[in-house]
Amino acid sequence: MSRVIRPRRGRWRWLPLATVAVAVLAACTGPGADTTGTTRAPVEVGTLESVAFVTHGSPGDAFWNVVKNGAEVAGEKLGVRVEYNSSGDPGQQAKLIDNAVAQRVGGLVVSMANPDSLKESVERAVAAGIPVVTINSGESESAKYGAIGHVGQSERLAGEAAGSRLKEAGKSKMLCVIHEAGNIGANDRCAGATQGFGNATTLQVDINNPTDAQARIRGALEADRAIDAVLTLNSQIAARAVDAARESRSPAAVATFDLNSDVVEAIKAGSLLFAVDQQQYLQGYLPVVMLQLYKSNLDTVGGGKPVQTGPAFVDKNNVDAVGGLVAQGTR
C-alpha cells in the first residue's frame, strides 16, 4: 500500500517538536567520517525530489502510521514527494527496495528488522548513487551497508532502562514478551531489559495472532506465580498482556514499549505502569530532512553516528500531556 504526497501550498503543519528537532540537527550538520564497508557511488548535488520509505511494519499498525505521518509532513514542508510502502515479510521488503532503486528515487529510507535479508538490496541502492537512511532497526548494520545515517533508539540501551525502571518499582521476576520472530530490535530490547532487571525470562508470541498471544501470556503467568512484571515490546501486545494478567488473576505489573491511544488510556487507568516512547514520528520526519540536506549540500547529520530519538518514558506523571500528542498522530 503506497501513497504519493505532492507539495501543496497553504497546508503547512507547523509542529513545535519537529521544528525544534530540525533546527538542532541542522545546526549539527557537517562532514562525518565514512565508516561504511560499502563503496558509495558519487551523489550529484541538487534538489531532492522524491524519497521512498520501505519499512517492516504491518499495514495499519498504529506505530508505523505515526512514522508515516512524520514522513508525509516532512515531505509536504520540504516539497519532496514521499512514497511509503511496508511489508512484514523480509523478502517482499527487499523487492520493494529493488523497485524503488529501479525507479531512481532521490533517496531511500529503510527499517532493517532483518538486516541480512535486505543487505544486497540496500547495497544496490548505495551503488546506484541513491543516499540511504536507515530507521528504527538495523543500527549496527547501517553504516556497514553504506547508509549515510540511522535514526532511532538504541534498543539494547532502551531495554536496559526499562528493566532498571521495573526493578526500581520493586519487582523481582520479569517476563519479556517478543512479538516478532527474527526481529533483532526485539531481541535487543529483551536482552537489555534482562541486563537492567536481572531475573527474567522471555516468551515468543506472534503479533499476527493476538488471541493466541494473549493465551500464551496468560499461560506463562499461571504457570509461574513468581512473575510480578511483564514487559511487552509492542503497544498492541501490551493490551493483550493487560487482559492476560487480569484473566490469570496475576498481580504482575505490565509495562510496554511504544505508544498508542489504548496505551495512554491504560496508563491513566493504572493498568499499565509505563511506556517506553521512541518518538517514532521523528523516525519518519528526520530522514527526509537528512536526505534533503545531504542531496543539496552533502551535509551528514550525526557525523555518521546514529541519531537517537529515545528512549523517553510515559507514566502517570506526564501521560496527560503526551496523550494529546498521540491523538494528533505525532507521538
C-alpha atoms as a PDB file:
ATOM      1  CA  MET A   1       0.000   0.000   0.000  1.00  0.00           C
ATOM      2  CA  SER A   2       1.507   3.304  -1.042  1.00  0.00           C
ATOM      3  CA  ARG A   3       0.651   6.927  -1.241  1.00  0.00           C
ATOM      4  CA  VAL A   4       2.400   9.715  -3.086  1.00  0.00           C
ATOM      5  CA  ILE A   5       2.420  13.050  -1.309  1.00  0.00           C
ATOM      6  CA  ARG A   6       2.913  16.072  -3.523  1.00  0.00           C
ATOM      7  CA  PRO A   7       3.761  19.514  -2.186  1.00  0.00           C
ATOM      8  CA  ARG A   8       0.709  21.729  -1.695  1.00  0.00           C
ATOM      9  CA  ARG A   9       0.766  25.371  -0.853  1.00  0.00           C
ATOM     10  CA  GLY A  10      -1.006  26.726   2.159  1.00  0.00           C
ATOM     11  CA  ARG A  11      -1.243  23.480   4.129  1.00  0.00           C
ATOM     12  CA  TRP A  12       1.900  23.603   6.238  1.00  0.00           C
ATOM     13  CA  ARG A  13       1.521  21.951   9.649  1.00  0.00           C
ATOM     14  CA  TRP A  14       3.994  23.648  11.949  1.00  0.00           C
ATOM     15  CA  LEU A  15       4.679  21.394  14.898  1.00  0.00           C
ATOM     16  CA  PRO A  16       6.946  22.695  17.671  1.00  0.00           C
ATOM     17  CA  LEU A  17       8.562  19.300  18.320  1.00  0.00           C
ATOM     18  CA  ALA A  18       9.509  18.802  14.700  1.00  0.00           C
ATOM     19  CA  THR A  19      10.650  22.396  14.272  1.00  0.00           C
ATOM     20  CA  VAL A  20      12.952  22.280  17.281  1.00  0.00           C
ATOM     21  CA  ALA A  21      14.371  18.900  16.289  1.00  0.00           C
ATOM     22  CA  VAL A  22      15.150  20.025  12.755  1.00  0.00           C
ATOM     23  CA  ALA A  23      16.777  23.230  13.979  1.00  0.00           C
ATOM     24  CA  VAL A  24      19.009  21.368  16.402  1.00  0.00           C
ATOM     25  CA  LEU A  25      20.008  18.726  13.900  1.00  0.00           C
ATOM     26  CA  ALA A  26      20.600  21.198  11.104  1.00  0.00           C
ATOM     27  CA  ALA A  27      22.932  23.136  13.392  1.00  0.00           C
ATOM     28  CA  CYS A  28      24.952  19.974  13.944  1.00  0.00           C
ATOM     29  CA  THR A  29      25.421  19.066  10.292  1.00  0.00           C
ATOM     30  CA  GLY A  30      28.799  18.694   8.715  1.00  0.00           C
ATOM     31  CA  PRO A  31      31.040  16.138   7.043  1.00  0.00           C
ATOM     32  CA  GLY A  32      31.340  12.936   9.054  1.00  0.00           C
ATOM     33  CA  ALA A  33      33.741  10.054   8.917  1.00  0.00           C
ATOM     34  CA  ASP A  34      32.747   7.416   6.376  1.00  0.00           C
ATOM     35  CA  THR A  35      32.867   4.138   8.297  1.00  0.00           C
ATOM     36  CA  THR A  36      30.904   2.157   5.749  1.00  0.00           C
ATOM     37  CA  GLY A  37      32.149  -1.114   4.316  1.00  0.00           C
ATOM     38  CA  THR A  38      30.225  -0.457   1.086  1.00  0.00           C
ATOM     39  CA  THR A  39      31.513   1.902  -1.602  1.00  0.00           C
ATOM     40  CA  ARG A  40      29.072   4.725  -2.243  1.00  0.00           C
ATOM     41  CA  ALA A  41      28.617   5.935  -5.796  1.00  0.00           C
ATOM     42  CA  PRO A  42      29.010   9.713  -6.163  1.00  0.00           C
ATOM     43  CA  VAL A  43      25.807  11.626  -5.435  1.00  0.00           C
ATOM     44  CA  GLU A  44      25.028  14.507  -7.759  1.00  0.00           C
ATOM     45  CA  VAL A  45      24.390  17.636  -5.719  1.00  0.00           C
ATOM     46  CA  GLY A  46      20.998  19.108  -6.489  1.00  0.00           C
ATOM     47  CA  THR A  47      17.362  19.121  -5.410  1.00  0.00           C
ATOM     48  CA  LEU A  48      15.824  16.164  -3.615  1.00  0.00           C
ATOM     49  CA  GLU A  49      12.613  15.404  -5.476  1.00  0.00           C
ATOM     50  CA  SER A  50      11.490  12.046  -4.120  1.00  0.00           C
ATOM     51  CA  VAL A  51      12.005   9.722  -1.147  1.00  0.00           C
ATOM     52  CA  ALA A  52      10.842   6.119  -0.868  1.00  0.00           C
ATOM     53  CA  PHE A  53      10.163   4.624   2.571  1.00  0.00           C
ATOM     54  CA  VAL A  54      10.281   0.838   2.880  1.00  0.00           C
ATOM     55  CA  THR A  55       9.524  -0.391   6.395  1.00  0.00           C
ATOM     56  CA  HIS A  56       8.814  -3.718   8.033  1.00  0.00           C
ATOM     57  CA  GLY A  57       5.581  -2.553   9.663  1.00  0.00           C
ATOM     58  CA  SER A  58       2.304  -4.326   9.022  1.00  0.00           C
ATOM     59  CA  PRO A  59      -0.306  -2.254   7.129  1.00  0.00           C
ATOM     60  CA  GLY A  60      -2.499  -0.348   9.582  1.00  0.00           C
ATOM     61  CA  ASP A  61      -0.099  -0.765  12.524  1.00  0.00           C
ATOM     62  CA  ALA A  62      -0.628   2.220  14.829  1.00  0.00           C
ATOM     63  CA  PHE A  63       3.094   2.625  15.475  1.00  0.00           C
ATOM     64  CA  TRP A  64       4.035   2.759  11.803  1.00  0.00           C
ATOM     65  CA  ASN A  65       1.136   5.050  10.974  1.00  0.00           C
ATOM     66  CA  VAL A  66       2.867   7.683  13.126  1.00  0.00           C
ATOM     67  CA  VAL A  67       6.156   7.103  11.256  1.00  0.00           C
ATOM     68  CA  LYS A  68       4.247   7.585   8.014  1.00  0.00           C
ATOM     69  CA  ASN A  69       2.676  10.791   9.359  1.00  0.00           C
ATOM     70  CA  GLY A  70       6.115  12.209  10.106  1.00  0.00           C
ATOM     71  CA  ALA A  71       7.415  11.314   6.651  1.00  0.00           C
ATOM     72  CA  GLU A  72       4.433  12.883   4.898  1.00  0.00           C
ATOM     73  CA  VAL A  73       4.594  16.122   6.877  1.00  0.00           C
ATOM     74  CA  ALA A  74       8.330  16.442   6.190  1.00  0.00           C
ATOM     75  CA  GLY A  75       7.728  15.836   2.503  1.00  0.00           C
ATOM     76  CA  GLU A  76       4.987  18.455   2.415  1.00  0.00           C
ATOM     77  CA  LYS A  77       7.107  21.053   4.172  1.00  0.00           C
ATOM     78  CA  LEU A  78      10.211  20.452   2.066  1.00  0.00           C
ATOM     79  CA  GLY A  79       8.467  19.967  -1.273  1.00  0.00           C
ATOM     80  CA  VAL A  80       9.569  16.331  -1.581  1.00  0.00           C
ATOM     81  CA  ARG A  81       7.400  13.511  -2.947  1.00  0.00           C
ATOM     82  CA  VAL A  82       7.172  10.773  -0.332  1.00  0.00           C
ATOM     83  CA  GLU A  83       6.120   7.246  -1.201  1.00  0.00           C
ATOM     84  CA  TYR A  84       5.564   4.908   1.726  1.00  0.00           C
ATOM     85  CA  ASN A  85       5.469   1.114   1.404  1.00  0.00           C
ATOM     86  CA  SER A  86       5.733  -1.600   4.034  1.00  0.00           C
ATOM     87  CA  SER A  87       5.791  -5.347   4.445  1.00  0.00           C
ATOM     88  CA  GLY A  88       6.388  -7.621   7.389  1.00  0.00           C
ATOM     89  CA  ASP A  89       7.976 -10.152   5.041  1.00  0.00           C
ATOM     90  CA  PRO A  90      11.735  -9.517   4.580  1.00  0.00           C
ATOM     91  CA  GLY A  91      11.734 -10.954   1.065  1.00  0.00           C
ATOM     92  CA  GLN A  92       8.916  -8.659  -0.004  1.00  0.00           C
ATOM     93  CA  GLN A  93      10.622  -5.736   1.693  1.00  0.00           C
ATOM     94  CA  ALA A  94      13.765  -6.412  -0.365  1.00  0.00           C
ATOM     95  CA  LYS A  95      11.665  -6.386  -3.553  1.00  0.00           C
ATOM     96  CA  LEU A  96      10.149  -3.036  -2.564  1.00  0.00           C
ATOM     97  CA  ILE A  97      13.665  -1.631  -2.149  1.00  0.00           C
ATOM     98  CA  ASP A  98      14.687  -3.005  -5.547  1.00  0.00           C
ATOM     99  CA  ASN A  99      11.597  -1.406  -7.118  1.00  0.00           C
ATOM    100  CA  ALA A 100      12.499   1.958  -5.609  1.00  0.00           C
ATOM    101  CA  VAL A 101      16.033   1.681  -6.993  1.00  0.00           C
ATOM    102  CA  ALA A 102      14.674   0.808 -10.440  1.00  0.00           C
ATOM    103  CA  GLN A 103      12.514   3.934 -10.296  1.00  0.00           C
ATOM    104  CA  ARG A 104      15.602   6.023  -9.490  1.00  0.00           C
ATOM    105  CA  VAL A 105      14.170   7.655  -6.383  1.00  0.00           C
ATOM    106  CA  GLY A 106      16.138  10.558  -4.955  1.00  0.00           C
ATOM    107  CA  GLY A 107      16.547   8.998  -1.507  1.00  0.00           C
ATOM    108  CA  LEU A 108      15.658   5.813   0.335  1.00  0.00           C
ATOM    109  CA  VAL A 109      14.607   5.197   3.946  1.00  0.00           C
ATOM    110  CA  VAL A 110      14.617   1.609   5.206  1.00  0.00           C
ATOM    111  CA  SER A 111      13.876  -0.099   8.516  1.00  0.00           C
ATOM    112  CA  MET A 112      16.034  -3.219   8.869  1.00  0.00           C
ATOM    113  CA  ALA A 113      14.496  -5.639  11.345  1.00  0.00           C
ATOM    114  CA  ASN A 114      16.130  -8.454   9.346  1.00  0.00           C
ATOM    115  CA  PRO A 115      19.337  -6.852   8.030  1.00  0.00           C
ATOM    116  CA  ASP A 116      20.765  -9.958   6.336  1.00  0.00           C
ATOM    117  CA  SER A 117      17.693 -10.239   4.109  1.00  0.00           C
ATOM    118  CA  LEU A 118      17.992  -6.617   2.981  1.00  0.00           C
ATOM    119  CA  LYS A 119      21.770  -6.296   2.665  1.00  0.00           C
ATOM    120  CA  GLU A 120      22.076  -6.840  -1.084  1.00  0.00           C
ATOM    121  CA  SER A 121      19.117  -4.603  -1.923  1.00  0.00           C
ATOM    122  CA  VAL A 122      20.365  -1.746   0.261  1.00  0.00           C
ATOM    123  CA  GLU A 123      23.877  -2.069  -1.157  1.00  0.00           C
ATOM    124  CA  ARG A 124      22.483  -1.945  -4.697  1.00  0.00           C
ATOM    125  CA  ALA A 125      20.781   1.335  -3.840  1.00  0.00           C
ATOM    126  CA  VAL A 126      24.027   2.744  -2.460  1.00  0.00           C
ATOM    127  CA  ALA A 127      25.978   1.568  -5.512  1.00  0.00           C
ATOM    128  CA  ALA A 128      23.408   3.299  -7.720  1.00  0.00           C
ATOM    129  CA  GLY A 129      24.133   6.618  -6.040  1.00  0.00           C
ATOM    130  CA  ILE A 130      20.912   6.732  -4.011  1.00  0.00           C
ATOM    131  CA  PRO A 131      21.556   8.015  -0.457  1.00  0.00           C
ATOM    132  CA  VAL A 132      20.048   5.726   2.177  1.00  0.00           C
ATOM    133  CA  VAL A 133      18.973   6.429   5.759  1.00  0.00           C
ATOM    134  CA  THR A 134      18.001   3.517   7.993  1.00  0.00           C
ATOM    135  CA  ILE A 135      15.425   3.897  10.737  1.00  0.00           C
ATOM    136  CA  ASN A 136      14.120   2.035  13.774  1.00  0.00           C
ATOM    137  CA  SER A 137      16.044  -1.247  13.357  1.00  0.00           C
ATOM    138  CA  GLY A 138      19.442  -2.189  11.995  1.00  0.00           C
ATOM    139  CA  GLU A 139      21.556   0.430  13.752  1.00  0.00           C
ATOM    140  CA  SER A 140      24.628  -1.832  13.908  1.00  0.00           C
ATOM    141  CA  GLU A 141      24.499  -2.689  10.200  1.00  0.00           C
ATOM    142  CA  SER A 142      23.518   0.744   8.877  1.00  0.00           C
ATOM    143  CA  ALA A 143      26.981   2.160   8.157  1.00  0.00           C
ATOM    144  CA  LYS A 144      28.297  -1.233   7.017  1.00  0.00           C
ATOM    145  CA  TYR A 145      25.685  -1.341   4.272  1.00  0.00           C
ATOM    146  CA  GLY A 146      26.514   2.189   3.135  1.00  0.00           C
ATOM    147  CA  ALA A 147      23.726   4.268   4.705  1.00  0.00           C
ATOM    148  CA  ILE A 148      24.545   7.920   5.394  1.00  0.00           C
ATOM    149  CA  GLY A 149      22.861   7.730   8.808  1.00  0.00           C
ATOM    150  CA  HIS A 150      20.454   5.986  11.147  1.00  0.00           C
ATOM    151  CA  VAL A 151      17.502   7.416  13.077  1.00  0.00           C
ATOM    152  CA  GLY A 152      16.042   5.540  16.045  1.00  0.00           C
ATOM    153  CA  GLN A 153      16.731   4.494  19.591  1.00  0.00           C
ATOM    154  CA  SER A 154      19.403   2.061  20.750  1.00  0.00           C
ATOM    155  CA  GLU A 155      17.185  -0.911  21.525  1.00  0.00           C
ATOM    156  CA  ARG A 156      19.576  -2.547  23.972  1.00  0.00           C
ATOM    157  CA  LEU A 157      20.036   0.658  25.958  1.00  0.00           C
ATOM    158  CA  ALA A 158      16.287   1.316  25.917  1.00  0.00           C
ATOM    159  CA  GLY A 159      15.643  -2.214  27.129  1.00  0.00           C
ATOM    160  CA  GLU A 160      18.190  -1.814  29.895  1.00  0.00           C
ATOM    161  CA  ALA A 161      16.492   1.410  31.023  1.00  0.00           C
ATOM    162  CA  ALA A 162      13.073  -0.283  31.039  1.00  0.00           C
ATOM    163  CA  GLY A 163      14.395  -3.246  33.029  1.00  0.00           C
ATOM    164  CA  SER A 164      16.028  -0.933  35.559  1.00  0.00           C
ATOM    165  CA  ARG A 165      12.793   1.001  35.929  1.00  0.00           C
ATOM    166  CA  LEU A 166      10.840  -2.181  36.703  1.00  0.00           C
ATOM    167  CA  LYS A 167      13.482  -3.212  39.207  1.00  0.00           C
ATOM    168  CA  GLU A 168      13.260   0.184  40.887  1.00  0.00           C
ATOM    169  CA  ALA A 169       9.500  -0.388  41.150  1.00  0.00           C
ATOM    170  CA  GLY A 170      10.258  -3.310  43.447  1.00  0.00           C
ATOM    171  CA  LYS A 171       9.600  -6.159  41.014  1.00  0.00           C
ATOM    172  CA  SER A 172      11.555  -9.402  41.350  1.00  0.00           C
ATOM    173  CA  LYS A 173      10.851 -11.560  38.261  1.00  0.00           C
ATOM    174  CA  MET A 174      10.133 -10.294  34.747  1.00  0.00           C
ATOM    175  CA  LEU A 175       8.549 -11.856  31.672  1.00  0.00           C
ATOM    176  CA  CYS A 176       9.702 -10.204  28.434  1.00  0.00           C
ATOM    177  CA  VAL A 177       7.338 -10.863  25.504  1.00  0.00           C
ATOM    178  CA  ILE A 178       8.821 -10.945  21.977  1.00  0.00           C
ATOM    179  CA  HIS A 179       6.163 -10.429  19.297  1.00  0.00           C
ATOM    180  CA  GLU A 180       8.169 -10.923  16.062  1.00  0.00           C
ATOM    181  CA  ALA A 181      10.478 -13.881  15.486  1.00  0.00           C
ATOM    182  CA  GLY A 182      13.830 -12.878  13.983  1.00  0.00           C
ATOM    183  CA  ASN A 183      13.447  -9.165  14.744  1.00  0.00           C
ATOM    184  CA  ILE A 184      16.879  -8.142  16.016  1.00  0.00           C
ATOM    185  CA  GLY A 185      15.463  -4.989  17.614  1.00  0.00           C
ATOM    186  CA  ALA A 186      13.030  -7.021  19.713  1.00  0.00           C
ATOM    187  CA  ASN A 187      15.783  -9.409  20.760  1.00  0.00           C
ATOM    188  CA  ASP A 188      18.000  -6.488  21.740  1.00  0.00           C
ATOM    189  CA  ARG A 189      15.196  -4.959  23.824  1.00  0.00           C
ATOM    190  CA  CYS A 190      14.733  -8.144  25.832  1.00  0.00           C
ATOM    191  CA  ALA A 191      18.490  -8.652  26.212  1.00  0.00           C
ATOM    192  CA  GLY A 192      18.860  -5.102  27.511  1.00  0.00           C
ATOM    193  CA  ALA A 193      15.847  -5.462  29.805  1.00  0.00           C
ATOM    194  CA  THR A 194      17.290  -8.657  31.261  1.00  0.00           C
ATOM    195  CA  GLN A 195      20.576  -6.880  31.883  1.00  0.00           C
ATOM    196  CA  GLY A 196      18.861  -3.964  33.600  1.00  0.00           C
ATOM    197  CA  PHE A 197      16.433  -6.096  35.610  1.00  0.00           C
ATOM    198  CA  GLY A 198      18.250  -9.334  36.419  1.00  0.00           C
ATOM    199  CA  ASN A 199      15.852 -12.231  36.961  1.00  0.00           C
ATOM    200  CA  ALA A 200      13.970 -12.504  33.666  1.00  0.00           C
ATOM    201  CA  THR A 201      12.560 -14.966  31.148  1.00  0.00           C
ATOM    202  CA  THR A 202      11.319 -14.477  27.593  1.00  0.00           C
ATOM    203  CA  LEU A 203       8.197 -15.594  25.761  1.00  0.00           C
ATOM    204  CA  GLN A 204       7.736 -15.731  21.970  1.00  0.00           C
ATOM    205  CA  VAL A 205       4.308 -14.810  20.581  1.00  0.00           C
ATOM    206  CA  ASP A 206       3.001 -13.822  17.149  1.00  0.00           C
ATOM    207  CA  ILE A 207       1.692 -10.283  16.724  1.00  0.00           C
ATOM    208  CA  ASN A 208      -0.405 -11.505  13.789  1.00  0.00           C
ATOM    209  CA  ASN A 209      -2.327 -13.834  16.123  1.00  0.00           C
ATOM    210  CA  PRO A 210      -3.282 -11.610  19.079  1.00  0.00           C
ATOM    211  CA  THR A 211      -5.729 -14.112  20.584  1.00  0.00           C
ATOM    212  CA  ASP A 212      -3.036 -16.762  20.787  1.00  0.00           C
ATOM    213  CA  ALA A 213      -0.551 -14.181  22.097  1.00  0.00           C
ATOM    214  CA  GLN A 214      -2.918 -13.352  24.961  1.00  0.00           C
ATOM    215  CA  ALA A 215      -3.406 -17.050  25.726  1.00  0.00           C
ATOM    216  CA  ARG A 216       0.342 -17.657  25.812  1.00  0.00           C
ATOM    217  CA  ILE A 217       0.959 -14.760  28.178  1.00  0.00           C
ATOM    218  CA  ARG A 218      -1.866 -15.919  30.414  1.00  0.00           C
ATOM    219  CA  GLY A 219      -0.422 -19.442  30.433  1.00  0.00           C
ATOM    220  CA  ALA A 220       3.023 -18.168  31.408  1.00  0.00           C
ATOM    221  CA  LEU A 221       1.576 -16.159  34.299  1.00  0.00           C
ATOM    222  CA  GLU A 222      -0.498 -19.108  35.511  1.00  0.00           C
ATOM    223  CA  ALA A 223       2.486 -21.455  35.304  1.00  0.00           C
ATOM    224  CA  ASP A 224       4.822 -19.182  37.268  1.00  0.00           C
ATOM    225  CA  ARG A 225       3.191 -17.137  40.003  1.00  0.00           C
ATOM    226  CA  ALA A 226       6.558 -15.614  40.876  1.00  0.00           C
ATOM    227  CA  ILE A 227       6.367 -13.407  37.783  1.00  0.00           C
ATOM    228  CA  ASP A 228       5.421  -9.937  39.004  1.00  0.00           C
ATOM    229  CA  ALA A 229       6.400  -7.867  35.950  1.00  0.00           C
ATOM    230  CA  VAL A 230       5.546  -8.230  32.254  1.00  0.00           C
ATOM    231  CA  LEU A 231       7.355  -6.174  29.629  1.00  0.00           C
ATOM    232  CA  THR A 232       5.888  -6.133  26.124  1.00  0.00           C
ATOM    233  CA  LEU A 233       7.730  -4.708  23.136  1.00  0.00           C
ATOM    234  CA  ASN A 234       4.729  -3.501  21.181  1.00  0.00           C
ATOM    235  CA  SER A 235       1.720  -1.362  22.076  1.00  0.00           C
ATOM    236  CA  GLN A 236      -0.785  -3.794  20.563  1.00  0.00           C
ATOM    237  CA  ILE A 237       0.591  -6.720  22.564  1.00  0.00           C
ATOM    238  CA  ALA A 238       0.503  -4.548  25.695  1.00  0.00           C
ATOM    239  CA  ALA A 239      -3.304  -4.572  25.688  1.00  0.00           C
ATOM    240  CA  ARG A 240      -3.251  -8.354  25.393  1.00  0.00           C
ATOM    241  CA  ALA A 241      -0.849  -8.626  28.320  1.00  0.00           C
ATOM    242  CA  VAL A 242      -3.096  -6.468  30.492  1.00  0.00           C
ATOM    243  CA  ASP A 243      -6.060  -8.748  29.693  1.00  0.00           C
ATOM    244  CA  ALA A 244      -3.939 -11.863  30.279  1.00  0.00           C
ATOM    245  CA  ALA A 245      -2.861 -10.637  33.719  1.00  0.00           C
ATOM    246  CA  ARG A 246      -6.475  -9.961  34.641  1.00  0.00           C
ATOM    247  CA  GLU A 247      -7.697 -13.342  33.379  1.00  0.00           C
ATOM    248  CA  SER A 248      -4.944 -15.219  35.213  1.00  0.00           C
ATOM    249  CA  ARG A 249      -5.518 -13.164  38.371  1.00  0.00           C
ATOM    250  CA  SER A 250      -1.845 -12.341  38.376  1.00  0.00           C
ATOM    251  CA  PRO A 251      -0.622  -9.331  40.358  1.00  0.00           C
ATOM    252  CA  ALA A 252       2.085  -8.706  37.725  1.00  0.00           C
ATOM    253  CA  ALA A 253       2.603  -5.101  36.675  1.00  0.00           C
ATOM    254  CA  VAL A 254       2.623  -4.589  32.908  1.00  0.00           C
ATOM    255  CA  ALA A 255       4.849  -2.121  31.059  1.00  0.00           C
ATOM    256  CA  THR A 256       5.425  -1.729  27.353  1.00  0.00           C
ATOM    257  CA  PHE A 257       7.424  -0.211  24.550  1.00  0.00           C
ATOM    258  CA  ASP A 258       5.693   2.274  22.260  1.00  0.00           C
ATOM    259  CA  LEU A 259       2.534   4.314  22.448  1.00  0.00           C
ATOM    260  CA  ASN A 260      -0.974   4.320  21.059  1.00  0.00           C
ATOM    261  CA  SER A 261      -4.300   5.623  22.358  1.00  0.00           C
ATOM    262  CA  ASP A 262      -5.041   2.352  24.200  1.00  0.00           C
ATOM    263  CA  VAL A 263      -1.683   2.522  25.992  1.00  0.00           C
ATOM    264  CA  VAL A 264      -2.380   6.117  27.023  1.00  0.00           C
ATOM    265  CA  GLU A 265      -5.763   5.155  28.482  1.00  0.00           C
ATOM    266  CA  ALA A 266      -4.282   2.102  30.237  1.00  0.00           C
ATOM    267  CA  ILE A 267      -1.613   4.245  31.908  1.00  0.00           C
ATOM    268  CA  LYS A 268      -4.288   6.683  33.035  1.00  0.00           C
ATOM    269  CA  ALA A 269      -6.337   3.787  34.410  1.00  0.00           C
ATOM    270  CA  GLY A 270      -3.330   2.317  36.235  1.00  0.00           C
ATOM    271  CA  SER A 271      -3.316  -0.991  34.340  1.00  0.00           C
ATOM    272  CA  LEU A 272      -0.020  -0.124  32.637  1.00  0.00           C
ATOM    273  CA  LEU A 273       2.926   1.052  34.720  1.00  0.00           C
ATOM    274  CA  PHE A 274       4.724   2.942  31.945  1.00  0.00           C
ATOM    275  CA  ALA A 275       5.517   3.013  28.235  1.00  0.00           C
ATOM    276  CA  VAL A 276       8.907   3.446  26.580  1.00  0.00           C
ATOM    277  CA  ASP A 277       8.442   6.101  23.905  1.00  0.00           C
ATOM    278  CA  GLN A 278      10.909   6.143  20.999  1.00  0.00           C
ATOM    279  CA  GLN A 279       9.147   9.121  19.365  1.00  0.00           C
ATOM    280  CA  GLN A 280       8.620   7.361  16.057  1.00  0.00           C
ATOM    281  CA  TYR A 281       7.209  10.488  14.409  1.00  0.00           C
ATOM    282  CA  LEU A 282      10.809  11.704  14.283  1.00  0.00           C
ATOM    283  CA  GLN A 283      11.837   8.436  12.612  1.00  0.00           C
ATOM    284  CA  GLY A 284       9.628   9.445   9.707  1.00  0.00           C
ATOM    285  CA  TYR A 285      10.301  13.176   9.754  1.00  0.00           C
ATOM    286  CA  LEU A 286      14.055  13.442  10.277  1.00  0.00           C
ATOM    287  CA  PRO A 287      15.252  11.105   7.474  1.00  0.00           C
ATOM    288  CA  VAL A 288      13.565  13.305   4.869  1.00  0.00           C
ATOM    289  CA  VAL A 289      15.371  16.316   6.341  1.00  0.00           C
ATOM    290  CA  MET A 290      18.674  14.423   6.412  1.00  0.00           C
ATOM    291  CA  LEU A 291      18.335  13.314   2.799  1.00  0.00           C
ATOM    292  CA  GLN A 292      17.399  16.834   1.693  1.00  0.00           C
ATOM    293  CA  LEU A 293      20.471  18.271   3.401  1.00  0.00           C
ATOM    294  CA  TYR A 294      22.722  15.550   2.006  1.00  0.00           C
ATOM    295  CA  LYS A 295      21.408  15.939  -1.540  1.00  0.00           C
ATOM    296  CA  SER A 296      21.603  19.750  -1.530  1.00  0.00           C
ATOM    297  CA  ASN A 297      24.885  20.269   0.326  1.00  0.00           C
ATOM    298  CA  LEU A 298      26.357  16.835   1.184  1.00  0.00           C
ATOM    299  CA  ASP A 299      25.676  17.563   4.875  1.00  0.00           C
ATOM    300  CA  THR A 300      25.782  14.425   7.023  1.00  0.00           C
ATOM    301  CA  VAL A 301      23.624  14.800  10.120  1.00  0.00           C
ATOM    302  CA  GLY A 302      25.066  12.947  13.087  1.00  0.00           C
ATOM    303  CA  GLY A 303      28.569  12.689  11.630  1.00  0.00           C
ATOM    304  CA  GLY A 304      27.980   9.066  10.694  1.00  0.00           C
ATOM    305  CA  LYS A 305      26.682   8.174  14.160  1.00  0.00           C
ATOM    306  CA  PRO A 306      23.055   7.195  14.939  1.00  0.00           C
ATOM    307  CA  VAL A 307      20.616  10.000  15.712  1.00  0.00           C
ATOM    308  CA  GLN A 308      18.760   8.880  18.844  1.00  0.00           C
ATOM    309  CA  THR A 309      15.017   9.513  19.176  1.00  0.00           C
ATOM    310  CA  GLY A 310      14.586   7.799  22.543  1.00  0.00           C
ATOM    311  CA  PRO A 311      14.052   6.366  24.975  1.00  0.00           C
ATOM    312  CA  ALA A 312      11.601   8.617  26.763  1.00  0.00           C
ATOM    313  CA  PHE A 313       9.209   7.331  29.422  1.00  0.00           C
ATOM    314  CA  VAL A 314       5.493   7.992  29.694  1.00  0.00           C
ATOM    315  CA  ASP A 315       3.828   7.272  33.034  1.00  0.00           C
ATOM    316  CA  LYS A 316       1.075   8.686  35.220  1.00  0.00           C
ATOM    317  CA  ASN A 317       3.089  11.886  35.753  1.00  0.00           C
ATOM    318  CA  ASN A 318       3.173  13.011  32.119  1.00  0.00           C
ATOM    319  CA  VAL A 319       0.568  10.892  30.349  1.00  0.00           C
ATOM    320  CA  ASP A 320      -1.992  13.713  30.096  1.00  0.00           C
ATOM    321  CA  ALA A 321       0.389  15.948  28.159  1.00  0.00           C
ATOM    322  CA  VAL A 322       1.675  13.175  25.887  1.00  0.00           C
ATOM    323  CA  GLY A 323      -1.799  11.776  25.337  1.00  0.00           C
ATOM    324  CA  GLY A 324      -2.823  14.873  23.419  1.00  0.00           C
ATOM    325  CA  LEU A 325       0.132  14.403  21.060  1.00  0.00           C
ATOM    326  CA  VAL A 326      -0.818  10.767  20.484  1.00  0.00           C
ATOM    327  CA  ALA A 327      -4.275  11.945  19.428  1.00  0.00           C
ATOM    328  CA  GLN A 328      -2.620  14.321  16.929  1.00  0.00           C
ATOM    329  CA  GLY A 329      -0.576  11.494  15.444  1.00  0.00           C
ATOM    330  CA  THR A 330       2.799  12.970  16.392  1.00  0.00           C
ATOM    331  CA  ARG A 331       3.670  10.565  19.253  1.00  0.00           C
END
